[in-house]
N, C-alpha and C. Protein backbone atom coordinates (compact mmCIF):
# COMPACT_ATOMS: atom_id res chain seq x y z
N MET A 1 84.27 27.60 -4.02
CA MET A 1 83.26 26.54 -4.05
C MET A 1 83.46 25.63 -2.85
N SER A 2 82.40 25.34 -2.19
CA SER A 2 82.50 24.47 -1.01
C SER A 2 82.69 23.03 -1.44
N ASN A 3 83.07 22.23 -0.49
CA ASN A 3 83.41 20.84 -0.75
C ASN A 3 82.38 19.93 -0.06
N ILE A 4 81.44 19.42 -0.84
CA ILE A 4 80.43 18.50 -0.33
C ILE A 4 80.63 17.17 -1.04
N ASN A 5 80.83 16.13 -0.24
CA ASN A 5 81.10 14.80 -0.79
C ASN A 5 80.05 13.80 -0.32
N PHE A 6 79.87 12.76 -1.13
CA PHE A 6 78.89 11.72 -0.83
C PHE A 6 79.57 10.37 -0.90
N PHE A 7 79.36 9.56 0.16
CA PHE A 7 79.97 8.24 0.25
C PHE A 7 78.91 7.23 0.69
N SER A 8 79.21 5.95 0.49
CA SER A 8 78.33 4.88 0.96
C SER A 8 79.15 3.89 1.79
N GLU A 9 78.55 3.44 2.89
CA GLU A 9 79.17 2.44 3.75
C GLU A 9 78.16 1.32 3.99
N GLU A 10 78.55 0.11 3.65
CA GLU A 10 77.73 -1.09 3.88
C GLU A 10 76.38 -1.04 3.18
N THR A 11 76.26 -0.23 2.13
CA THR A 11 75.05 -0.19 1.33
C THR A 11 75.45 0.10 -0.12
N PRO A 12 74.75 -0.49 -1.07
CA PRO A 12 75.08 -0.22 -2.48
C PRO A 12 74.49 1.10 -2.99
N PHE A 13 73.87 1.87 -2.11
CA PHE A 13 73.20 3.11 -2.51
C PHE A 13 74.16 4.07 -3.20
N GLU A 14 73.70 4.63 -4.32
CA GLU A 14 74.43 5.70 -5.00
C GLU A 14 73.48 6.87 -5.22
N LEU A 15 73.92 8.05 -4.86
CA LEU A 15 73.11 9.25 -4.98
C LEU A 15 72.94 9.63 -6.45
N LYS A 16 71.68 9.87 -6.84
CA LYS A 16 71.39 10.36 -8.18
C LYS A 16 71.40 11.88 -8.15
N GLN A 17 71.69 12.49 -9.27
CA GLN A 17 71.71 13.96 -9.38
C GLN A 17 72.69 14.58 -8.37
N GLU A 18 73.85 13.98 -8.21
CA GLU A 18 74.81 14.43 -7.20
C GLU A 18 75.18 15.91 -7.39
N GLU A 19 75.45 16.33 -8.61
CA GLU A 19 75.84 17.73 -8.84
C GLU A 19 74.71 18.69 -8.50
N ALA A 20 73.49 18.35 -8.89
CA ALA A 20 72.35 19.22 -8.61
C ALA A 20 72.10 19.31 -7.10
N ILE A 21 72.22 18.20 -6.40
CA ILE A 21 72.01 18.20 -4.95
C ILE A 21 73.13 18.96 -4.26
N ASN A 22 74.35 18.80 -4.73
CA ASN A 22 75.48 19.55 -4.18
C ASN A 22 75.21 21.05 -4.28
N LEU A 23 74.80 21.50 -5.45
CA LEU A 23 74.50 22.93 -5.67
C LEU A 23 73.34 23.39 -4.79
N TRP A 24 72.30 22.55 -4.69
CA TRP A 24 71.14 22.86 -3.86
C TRP A 24 71.55 23.06 -2.40
N LEU A 25 72.39 22.16 -1.87
CA LEU A 25 72.86 22.28 -0.49
C LEU A 25 73.69 23.55 -0.30
N GLN A 26 74.53 23.87 -1.28
CA GLN A 26 75.31 25.10 -1.21
C GLN A 26 74.39 26.33 -1.20
N ASN A 27 73.30 26.25 -1.98
CA ASN A 27 72.36 27.36 -2.02
C ASN A 27 71.62 27.53 -0.69
N ILE A 28 71.35 26.43 -0.01
CA ILE A 28 70.75 26.52 1.33
C ILE A 28 71.70 27.27 2.26
N ALA A 29 72.95 26.87 2.26
CA ALA A 29 73.94 27.52 3.13
C ALA A 29 74.05 29.01 2.79
N LYS A 30 74.09 29.31 1.50
CA LYS A 30 74.20 30.71 1.08
C LYS A 30 72.98 31.51 1.53
N ALA A 31 71.78 30.94 1.40
CA ALA A 31 70.56 31.62 1.81
C ALA A 31 70.55 31.87 3.32
N GLU A 32 71.24 31.02 4.07
CA GLU A 32 71.32 31.15 5.53
C GLU A 32 72.58 31.91 5.97
N ASN A 33 73.27 32.52 5.00
CA ASN A 33 74.50 33.27 5.29
C ASN A 33 75.54 32.44 6.02
N THR A 34 75.70 31.20 5.56
CA THR A 34 76.63 30.27 6.18
C THR A 34 77.60 29.75 5.13
N GLU A 35 78.84 29.57 5.55
CA GLU A 35 79.87 29.07 4.65
C GLU A 35 80.16 27.60 4.96
N ILE A 36 80.35 26.82 3.90
CA ILE A 36 80.69 25.41 4.05
C ILE A 36 82.15 25.21 3.69
N GLU A 37 82.91 24.68 4.64
CA GLU A 37 84.29 24.29 4.37
C GLU A 37 84.30 22.90 3.75
N GLU A 38 83.67 21.94 4.47
CA GLU A 38 83.58 20.58 3.95
C GLU A 38 82.49 19.81 4.69
N ILE A 39 81.67 19.11 3.91
CA ILE A 39 80.68 18.20 4.47
C ILE A 39 80.82 16.87 3.75
N SER A 40 80.88 15.80 4.54
CA SER A 40 80.84 14.45 3.99
C SER A 40 79.52 13.82 4.42
N TYR A 41 78.68 13.53 3.44
CA TYR A 41 77.46 12.77 3.69
C TYR A 41 77.80 11.30 3.47
N ILE A 42 77.53 10.47 4.47
CA ILE A 42 77.82 9.05 4.39
C ILE A 42 76.51 8.29 4.48
N PHE A 43 76.14 7.64 3.38
CA PHE A 43 74.92 6.84 3.34
C PHE A 43 75.26 5.44 3.84
N CYS A 44 74.41 4.91 4.72
CA CYS A 44 74.72 3.64 5.36
C CYS A 44 73.45 2.86 5.69
N THR A 45 73.62 1.74 6.37
CA THR A 45 72.49 0.89 6.78
C THR A 45 72.04 1.28 8.19
N ASP A 46 70.88 0.76 8.57
CA ASP A 46 70.39 0.94 9.95
C ASP A 46 71.43 0.46 10.96
N ASP A 47 71.95 -0.75 10.73
CA ASP A 47 72.88 -1.34 11.70
C ASP A 47 74.17 -0.52 11.82
N TYR A 48 74.67 -0.02 10.72
CA TYR A 48 75.87 0.81 10.73
C TYR A 48 75.63 2.06 11.56
N LEU A 49 74.49 2.72 11.33
CA LEU A 49 74.19 3.95 12.06
C LEU A 49 73.87 3.67 13.53
N LEU A 50 73.25 2.54 13.80
CA LEU A 50 72.98 2.17 15.19
C LEU A 50 74.28 2.05 15.97
N LYS A 51 75.29 1.43 15.37
CA LYS A 51 76.60 1.29 16.04
C LYS A 51 77.20 2.66 16.34
N ILE A 52 77.09 3.59 15.41
CA ILE A 52 77.60 4.94 15.63
C ILE A 52 76.81 5.61 16.76
N ASN A 53 75.49 5.44 16.74
CA ASN A 53 74.63 6.01 17.77
C ASN A 53 75.01 5.48 19.16
N GLN A 54 75.28 4.19 19.24
CA GLN A 54 75.66 3.57 20.51
C GLN A 54 77.05 4.01 20.95
N GLU A 55 77.99 3.97 20.03
CA GLU A 55 79.39 4.23 20.37
C GLU A 55 79.68 5.69 20.70
N TYR A 56 79.11 6.61 19.92
CA TYR A 56 79.46 8.02 20.07
C TYR A 56 78.44 8.84 20.86
N LEU A 57 77.19 8.41 20.87
CA LEU A 57 76.15 9.21 21.51
C LEU A 57 75.48 8.51 22.69
N ASP A 58 75.87 7.26 22.95
CA ASP A 58 75.27 6.47 24.03
C ASP A 58 73.77 6.31 23.88
N HIS A 59 73.30 6.26 22.63
CA HIS A 59 71.88 6.04 22.33
C HIS A 59 71.74 4.65 21.74
N ASP A 60 70.72 3.93 22.17
CA ASP A 60 70.52 2.56 21.68
C ASP A 60 69.23 2.47 20.89
N TYR A 61 69.17 3.22 19.79
CA TYR A 61 67.99 3.17 18.93
C TYR A 61 68.37 3.57 17.51
N TYR A 62 67.50 3.17 16.60
CA TYR A 62 67.70 3.51 15.19
C TYR A 62 67.31 4.96 14.96
N THR A 63 67.98 5.59 14.02
CA THR A 63 67.68 6.96 13.65
C THR A 63 67.98 7.12 12.16
N ASP A 64 67.45 8.19 11.57
CA ASP A 64 67.68 8.37 10.14
C ASP A 64 68.96 9.16 9.87
N ILE A 65 69.40 9.97 10.83
CA ILE A 65 70.56 10.83 10.59
C ILE A 65 71.29 11.13 11.89
N ILE A 66 72.62 11.17 11.78
CA ILE A 66 73.48 11.65 12.87
C ILE A 66 74.45 12.64 12.24
N THR A 67 74.50 13.83 12.83
CA THR A 67 75.34 14.90 12.31
C THR A 67 76.45 15.21 13.31
N PHE A 68 77.69 15.12 12.85
CA PHE A 68 78.84 15.47 13.67
C PHE A 68 79.38 16.82 13.20
N ASP A 69 79.38 17.78 14.08
CA ASP A 69 79.93 19.10 13.79
C ASP A 69 81.41 19.06 14.15
N ASN A 70 82.27 19.17 13.15
CA ASN A 70 83.72 19.05 13.37
C ASN A 70 84.43 20.40 13.49
N ARG A 71 83.67 21.47 13.65
CA ARG A 71 84.28 22.79 13.78
C ARG A 71 84.85 22.99 15.18
N ASP A 72 85.89 23.79 15.26
CA ASP A 72 86.43 24.19 16.56
C ASP A 72 85.58 25.27 17.19
N ASP A 73 84.96 26.11 16.34
CA ASP A 73 84.16 27.22 16.81
C ASP A 73 82.90 27.32 15.94
N ILE A 74 81.78 27.63 16.53
CA ILE A 74 80.50 27.71 15.82
C ILE A 74 80.53 28.76 14.72
N ASN A 75 81.40 29.74 14.82
CA ASN A 75 81.49 30.79 13.81
C ASN A 75 82.38 30.43 12.64
N ASP A 76 83.08 29.30 12.73
CA ASP A 76 83.91 28.83 11.62
C ASP A 76 83.02 28.29 10.50
N PRO A 77 83.54 28.23 9.27
CA PRO A 77 82.78 27.58 8.20
C PRO A 77 82.46 26.13 8.59
N ILE A 78 81.35 25.62 8.10
CA ILE A 78 80.89 24.28 8.46
C ILE A 78 81.87 23.20 8.01
N GLU A 79 82.22 22.33 8.94
CA GLU A 79 82.96 21.10 8.66
C GLU A 79 82.20 20.00 9.38
N SER A 80 81.80 18.96 8.63
CA SER A 80 80.92 17.98 9.25
C SER A 80 80.97 16.64 8.54
N ASP A 81 80.66 15.60 9.30
CA ASP A 81 80.34 14.28 8.77
C ASP A 81 78.89 14.02 9.13
N ILE A 82 78.09 13.70 8.12
CA ILE A 82 76.67 13.45 8.33
C ILE A 82 76.36 12.05 7.85
N PHE A 83 75.90 11.20 8.76
CA PHE A 83 75.57 9.81 8.45
C PHE A 83 74.07 9.69 8.28
N ILE A 84 73.66 9.05 7.18
CA ILE A 84 72.23 8.89 6.88
C ILE A 84 71.93 7.43 6.60
N SER A 85 70.96 6.89 7.34
CA SER A 85 70.53 5.51 7.12
C SER A 85 69.55 5.45 5.95
N ILE A 86 69.96 4.80 4.90
CA ILE A 86 69.10 4.62 3.73
C ILE A 86 67.89 3.75 4.11
N ASP A 87 68.08 2.80 5.02
CA ASP A 87 66.97 1.96 5.50
C ASP A 87 65.88 2.83 6.15
N ARG A 88 66.30 3.75 7.04
CA ARG A 88 65.34 4.62 7.74
C ARG A 88 64.66 5.56 6.75
N VAL A 89 65.44 6.14 5.84
CA VAL A 89 64.86 7.07 4.87
C VAL A 89 63.80 6.34 4.03
N THR A 90 64.11 5.12 3.63
CA THR A 90 63.16 4.32 2.84
C THR A 90 61.87 4.09 3.63
N GLU A 91 62.03 3.67 4.89
CA GLU A 91 60.86 3.39 5.73
C GLU A 91 60.07 4.66 6.03
N ASN A 92 60.77 5.76 6.31
CA ASN A 92 60.09 7.03 6.60
C ASN A 92 59.32 7.53 5.38
N ALA A 93 59.89 7.34 4.19
CA ALA A 93 59.21 7.76 2.97
C ALA A 93 57.89 7.00 2.81
N ILE A 94 57.93 5.71 3.10
CA ILE A 94 56.71 4.89 3.03
C ILE A 94 55.70 5.36 4.08
N ASP A 95 56.19 5.55 5.32
CA ASP A 95 55.31 6.00 6.41
C ASP A 95 54.68 7.36 6.13
N GLN A 96 55.45 8.26 5.53
CA GLN A 96 54.98 9.62 5.24
C GLN A 96 54.26 9.71 3.89
N ASN A 97 54.28 8.60 3.15
CA ASN A 97 53.66 8.55 1.83
C ASN A 97 54.23 9.62 0.88
N VAL A 98 55.56 9.70 0.87
CA VAL A 98 56.27 10.60 -0.05
C VAL A 98 57.30 9.79 -0.83
N PRO A 99 57.70 10.27 -1.99
CA PRO A 99 58.74 9.55 -2.74
C PRO A 99 60.05 9.50 -1.95
N PHE A 100 60.80 8.43 -2.13
CA PHE A 100 62.09 8.26 -1.46
C PHE A 100 62.98 9.49 -1.68
N GLU A 101 63.04 9.99 -2.90
CA GLU A 101 63.92 11.12 -3.24
C GLU A 101 63.57 12.36 -2.43
N VAL A 102 62.28 12.59 -2.20
CA VAL A 102 61.84 13.75 -1.42
C VAL A 102 62.27 13.59 0.04
N GLU A 103 62.07 12.41 0.60
CA GLU A 103 62.46 12.18 1.99
C GLU A 103 63.98 12.27 2.14
N LEU A 104 64.73 11.76 1.18
CA LEU A 104 66.18 11.84 1.25
C LEU A 104 66.63 13.31 1.24
N LYS A 105 66.06 14.11 0.37
CA LYS A 105 66.42 15.53 0.31
C LYS A 105 66.05 16.25 1.61
N ARG A 106 64.92 15.86 2.20
CA ARG A 106 64.53 16.45 3.48
C ARG A 106 65.59 16.16 4.54
N VAL A 107 66.07 14.92 4.57
CA VAL A 107 67.07 14.53 5.56
C VAL A 107 68.41 15.21 5.28
N LEU A 108 68.79 15.31 4.01
CA LEU A 108 70.02 16.03 3.65
C LEU A 108 69.95 17.48 4.15
N ALA A 109 68.83 18.13 3.91
CA ALA A 109 68.66 19.52 4.36
C ALA A 109 68.62 19.59 5.88
N HIS A 110 67.98 18.63 6.52
CA HIS A 110 67.84 18.60 7.98
C HIS A 110 69.22 18.64 8.65
N GLY A 111 70.13 17.80 8.18
CA GLY A 111 71.48 17.78 8.75
C GLY A 111 72.18 19.11 8.59
N LEU A 112 72.07 19.69 7.41
CA LEU A 112 72.70 20.99 7.16
C LEU A 112 72.07 22.08 8.03
N LEU A 113 70.75 22.05 8.18
CA LEU A 113 70.08 23.05 9.01
C LEU A 113 70.52 22.97 10.48
N HIS A 114 70.77 21.75 10.97
CA HIS A 114 71.32 21.61 12.32
C HIS A 114 72.66 22.32 12.43
N LEU A 115 73.51 22.13 11.43
CA LEU A 115 74.84 22.74 11.45
C LEU A 115 74.77 24.26 11.36
N ILE A 116 73.73 24.75 10.69
CA ILE A 116 73.54 26.19 10.55
C ILE A 116 73.09 26.80 11.89
N GLY A 117 72.47 25.96 12.72
CA GLY A 117 72.08 26.45 14.05
C GLY A 117 70.65 26.18 14.45
N TYR A 118 69.89 25.51 13.59
CA TYR A 118 68.51 25.19 13.93
C TYR A 118 68.46 23.91 14.76
N ASN A 119 67.58 23.90 15.75
CA ASN A 119 67.42 22.73 16.61
C ASN A 119 66.01 22.18 16.44
N ASP A 120 65.77 21.02 17.06
CA ASP A 120 64.44 20.42 16.97
C ASP A 120 64.06 19.70 18.26
N LYS A 121 64.46 20.30 19.37
CA LYS A 121 64.16 19.69 20.68
C LYS A 121 62.74 20.04 21.15
N THR A 122 62.35 21.31 20.98
CA THR A 122 61.02 21.73 21.43
C THR A 122 60.04 21.70 20.25
N GLU A 123 58.75 21.82 20.56
CA GLU A 123 57.74 21.84 19.49
C GLU A 123 57.93 23.03 18.56
N ASP A 124 58.25 24.20 19.13
CA ASP A 124 58.47 25.40 18.32
C ASP A 124 59.68 25.22 17.41
N GLU A 125 60.76 24.66 17.95
CA GLU A 125 61.96 24.40 17.14
C GLU A 125 61.66 23.39 16.03
N GLN A 126 60.89 22.35 16.36
CA GLN A 126 60.53 21.35 15.36
C GLN A 126 59.71 21.98 14.24
N GLN A 127 58.79 22.85 14.61
CA GLN A 127 57.95 23.52 13.60
C GLN A 127 58.80 24.39 12.68
N LEU A 128 59.72 25.16 13.26
CA LEU A 128 60.59 26.01 12.45
C LEU A 128 61.49 25.15 11.54
N MET A 129 62.01 24.06 12.07
CA MET A 129 62.86 23.16 11.28
C MET A 129 62.05 22.62 10.09
N ARG A 130 60.82 22.17 10.34
CA ARG A 130 59.95 21.65 9.26
C ARG A 130 59.68 22.72 8.20
N GLU A 131 59.41 23.94 8.67
CA GLU A 131 59.15 25.04 7.73
C GLU A 131 60.37 25.31 6.85
N LYS A 132 61.55 25.30 7.46
CA LYS A 132 62.79 25.50 6.69
C LYS A 132 62.98 24.36 5.69
N GLU A 133 62.79 23.13 6.15
CA GLU A 133 62.93 21.97 5.25
C GLU A 133 62.00 22.10 4.06
N GLU A 134 60.75 22.40 4.34
CA GLU A 134 59.75 22.50 3.26
C GLU A 134 60.09 23.63 2.30
N ALA A 135 60.53 24.76 2.84
CA ALA A 135 60.90 25.89 1.99
C ALA A 135 62.03 25.52 1.05
N TYR A 136 63.05 24.85 1.59
CA TYR A 136 64.19 24.49 0.75
C TYR A 136 63.87 23.33 -0.19
N LEU A 137 63.01 22.42 0.22
CA LEU A 137 62.59 21.34 -0.68
C LEU A 137 61.87 21.91 -1.88
N SER A 138 61.12 22.97 -1.68
CA SER A 138 60.37 23.57 -2.79
C SER A 138 61.29 24.23 -3.81
N LEU A 139 62.51 24.54 -3.41
CA LEU A 139 63.49 25.14 -4.32
C LEU A 139 64.23 24.10 -5.15
N GLN A 140 64.20 22.85 -4.70
CA GLN A 140 64.94 21.79 -5.39
C GLN A 140 64.29 21.49 -6.74
N ILE A 141 65.11 21.50 -7.77
CA ILE A 141 64.65 21.13 -9.11
C ILE A 141 64.79 19.62 -9.26
N ASN A 142 63.70 18.95 -9.55
CA ASN A 142 63.72 17.49 -9.68
C ASN A 142 64.18 17.05 -11.05
C-alpha cells in the first residue's frame, strides 16, 4: 500500500473523506501503471504558497499548486511534496462555478498527473491534462 499523507500549514482546512481520496489517488496511479512510494499533500494559504513559489521557483505570483518531485530518477516510484493553496482552490471553484470539493479533487489529481509524466505547457498538453483530470474525476465516488 502506498503512503499518501495530508497536512495543513497556516490554514484550519481538514480534508474530508481522506480514506476515499487516498484510495482514489492510488487508483489513478495504478491506472497509469505508476507506483507511489510517498506523497505528502500540504494544504496551505495563498501567502504560504507564494513564499514557496518565490523561494524555490523564482516566481512572484499566486498559484493553486506546486509539485516537488523528490525522486532521484523518473523511473523510481513517486516521492513528492505537493502544496495546494486552499484560497486559490476556493476562488477557482467560484470562478469555474463548480463545488469546492470537485475543484480540490481536480487539483489533487493534477499534481499526481504531473508526477506521472503529464505536462501542461502547450495547448495540446493542457487539453490532454484536462481530459485525464475529467476522466479520473468521473471515477471519484462522492
